[in-house]
Amino acid sequence: YSTARAEFEKAMTMGLRSSDLLVHVALCHREADELDEALELLNEAVALNPDDARPYFHLGQIHQRRGSRRKAFAAFQRFTELSPGSVLPPELEAELKDGTRN
């Protein structure tokens, strides 16, 4: 992931800053357990393209990993709104169906 991240970040320094590119860099940071950096990039991706479902899914994963259930729930809920029929982690899928927020 470090080589991929270096290449993605190189593209960003050349002025490329798409939602897709930001998601890829964020995933590299996530794999390196650099969650703050990943969250920052995913939030930037959402700001650039709020109708792209992918950043919301990855935001949900990171928030879930950190134990932030409400933030994970909100991100996964937005993901399902933008991408109907998508597969979610089973424990959150039930919550989304019945509207509970444990």
Protein backbone atom coordinates (compact mmCIF):
# COMPACT_ATOMS: atom_id res chain seq x y z
CA TYR A 1 0.00 0.00 0.00
CA SER A 2 2.85 2.40 0.60
CA THR A 3 3.85 2.40 -3.08
CA ALA A 4 0.27 2.93 -4.18
CA ARG A 5 -0.18 5.69 -1.64
CA ALA A 6 2.98 7.43 -2.85
CA GLU A 7 1.72 7.35 -6.44
CA PHE A 8 -1.76 8.59 -5.48
CA GLU A 9 -0.28 11.39 -3.37
CA LYS A 10 2.04 12.32 -6.24
CA ALA A 11 -1.01 12.73 -8.47
CA MET A 12 -2.61 14.94 -5.83
CA THR A 13 0.44 17.23 -5.73
CA MET A 14 0.06 17.65 -9.49
CA GLY A 15 -3.36 19.20 -8.95
CA LEU A 16 -5.54 16.12 -9.32
CA ARG A 17 -8.06 16.01 -6.51
CA SER A 18 -11.07 13.89 -7.41
CA SER A 19 -13.33 12.06 -5.01
CA ASP A 20 -12.10 8.78 -6.48
CA LEU A 21 -8.45 9.64 -5.92
CA LEU A 22 -9.11 10.79 -2.36
CA VAL A 23 -10.89 7.51 -1.56
CA HIS A 24 -7.92 5.51 -2.87
CA VAL A 25 -5.43 7.50 -0.79
CA ALA A 26 -7.71 7.20 2.25
CA LEU A 27 -7.82 3.42 1.88
CA CYS A 28 -4.03 3.30 1.83
CA HIS A 29 -3.98 5.29 5.07
CA ARG A 30 -6.62 3.01 6.57
CA GLU A 31 -4.54 -0.07 5.76
CA ALA A 32 -1.56 1.59 7.48
CA ASP A 33 -3.81 2.17 10.53
CA GLU A 34 -3.60 5.94 9.98
CA LEU A 35 -7.27 6.45 10.67
CA ASP A 36 -7.24 10.20 11.28
CA GLU A 37 -5.68 10.80 7.87
CA ALA A 38 -8.12 8.38 6.25
CA LEU A 39 -11.11 10.12 7.82
CA GLU A 40 -9.88 13.53 6.72
CA LEU A 41 -9.49 12.38 3.11
CA LEU A 42 -12.85 10.61 3.07
CA ASN A 43 -14.57 13.71 4.41
CA GLU A 44 -12.87 15.73 1.68
CA ALA A 45 -14.12 13.20 -0.89
CA VAL A 46 -17.66 13.64 0.43
CA ALA A 47 -17.32 17.42 0.18
CA LEU A 48 -16.20 17.12 -3.45
CA ASN A 49 -18.92 14.67 -4.44
CA PRO A 50 -21.65 14.19 -1.82
CA ASP A 51 -23.56 11.82 -4.11
CA ASP A 52 -20.73 9.26 -4.28
CA ALA A 53 -21.65 6.34 -2.02
CA ARG A 54 -18.14 4.87 -1.65
CA PRO A 55 -16.67 7.38 0.81
CA TYR A 56 -19.67 6.90 3.12
CA PHE A 57 -19.12 3.14 3.20
CA HIS A 58 -15.47 3.55 4.15
CA LEU A 59 -16.31 6.26 6.69
CA GLY A 60 -18.74 3.79 8.25
CA GLN A 61 -16.06 1.11 8.44
CA ILE A 62 -13.57 3.42 10.13
CA HIS A 63 -16.13 4.77 12.61
CA GLN A 64 -17.20 1.22 13.38
CA ARG A 65 -13.58 0.19 13.91
CA ARG A 66 -13.16 3.08 16.35
CA GLY A 67 -16.32 2.15 18.23
CA SER A 68 -18.24 5.26 17.09
CA ARG A 69 -21.51 3.47 16.42
CA ARG A 70 -23.63 6.56 15.79
CA LYS A 71 -21.19 7.94 13.24
CA ALA A 72 -20.88 4.50 11.64
CA PHE A 73 -24.66 4.19 11.54
CA ALA A 74 -25.05 7.61 9.89
CA ALA A 75 -22.37 6.88 7.30
CA PHE A 76 -23.77 3.43 6.45
CA GLN A 77 -27.29 4.84 6.30
CA ARG A 78 -26.18 7.49 3.79
CA PHE A 79 -24.34 4.79 1.84
CA THR A 80 -27.53 2.72 1.51
CA GLU A 81 -29.52 5.80 0.47
CA LEU A 82 -27.05 6.47 -2.34
CA SER A 83 -26.53 2.82 -3.28
CA PRO A 84 -29.77 0.86 -2.84
CA GLY A 85 -29.34 -2.89 -2.67
CA SER A 86 -25.77 -2.69 -1.39
CA VAL A 87 -24.46 -5.16 1.17
CA LEU A 88 -23.68 -3.91 4.67
CA PRO A 89 -22.10 -5.51 7.72
CA PRO A 90 -24.86 -7.77 9.14
CA GLU A 91 -24.93 -6.12 12.57
CA LEU A 92 -25.67 -2.71 11.04
CA GLU A 93 -28.06 -3.95 8.40
CA ALA A 94 -30.58 -4.94 11.08
CA GLU A 95 -30.25 -1.55 12.78
CA LEU A 96 -30.85 0.28 9.52
CA LYS A 97 -33.98 -1.78 8.86
CA ASP A 98 -35.57 -1.10 12.23
CA GLY A 99 -34.12 2.37 12.80
CA THR A 100 -32.47 1.65 16.14
CA ARG A 101 -29.16 3.23 17.16
CA ASN A 102 -27.53 1.14 19.86
